[in-house]
Amino acid sequence: MLAAQRQHLILQEVHSEGTVRVATLAARLDVSEMTIRRDIDVLDAGGFVLRVHGGAARTDSFSALEPGFASKSTRGLPAKAAIAAEALSLVRPGMTLLISGGTTTFELARMLPRNFDLTVATNSVMVANSLAAADPAGEDGGIRTLVLGGERTPSEALVGPLTVRAVSTISADLCFMGAHGLDPHAGLTSPNLLETEVNAAMVKASGKLVVLADSSKYGLIGLAGICPLSAIHTLVTDSGLSPASEAALRQDIPEVRKVRIPDGRDRPAEPATAHADRDTRQSQPPAPKGKTL
């Protein structure tokens, strides 16, 4: 069995079971434990799994663990694209938008029309780079991009007191925010304390909060709370959300939009792409051309 095939099977086991042991994988795949450890090292380096004592775990297994952008961006792509497309219908010409970090908000940023005279303030490195890449020379008007500077996190968001201060100077029509966890009692939560502070400031700085969260986020509780569900004006999620869960959310959220996921299951990324993702991160385009606050 090729290394890429073996790593793909390991990744499937981790996603299915949550945690797996080296000895169990070695017996199942009929290889040495040393071989399995090397495979886990490759997956861990790419952000696809978390290496733990005696085995590996899913990167979202713990409330205080913050998965990297590369590992999150490979999951649930059809749902993220469908959610982003639905959220796009809320955007009107001339709006000022706040866009938080996250892989679903990144998909939304890539879809934003360049002829709407939009102003976008974001603390996401990936969102800012996406907007800059659409008009690298800055000659077509495009989207006015304000980069809310600060300390960089594993999820490619900028956080800290500088970011919070910059957000406090913004008055936005809409805030599009991703979610680590969405729970009727805990509300909207994050595993990163500093990012929680920034996101809470974004909620206060916007006229309406639109949360983009696929159904897998329901019931997850991160380390710190951003806001209660009652602060959310619109939730855009997918059809995987059960009727009971939807009813619970509608008690606090005025508008819940469910989108249908396109046919076909999203498959885990081939582990071999761990190297490709790492190379991509190392060769990201230069800092975006937007104004840094």
Foldseek 3Di string as FASTA:
>chain_A
DDLLVLLQVLLVCQVVPQWDFLVVSCVVVVHDSVSSVVSVVLCVLLQQWPDDVGTTGGQLSDQQGDGAQRNQLQPPVLFLLQLLVVVQVVDAAPFEEEEEFDNSSLSNLLPHDFPRAYEYEYQAQSSLLSQCVVPVVCPPSGYFYEHQAADADSHRGHFDPSSLVVLLVAAGAEYEYEAQAAEQVQGGAHSDPRSLSNLLSNLVRYPAYEYEYEQVRYPDHHDHGNDHLLSHAEYEYEPVHDPVSVVSSVVRHVYYHYHYRDDDDRRGDRSVCSVVSVVCVVPRDPGGPHHYD
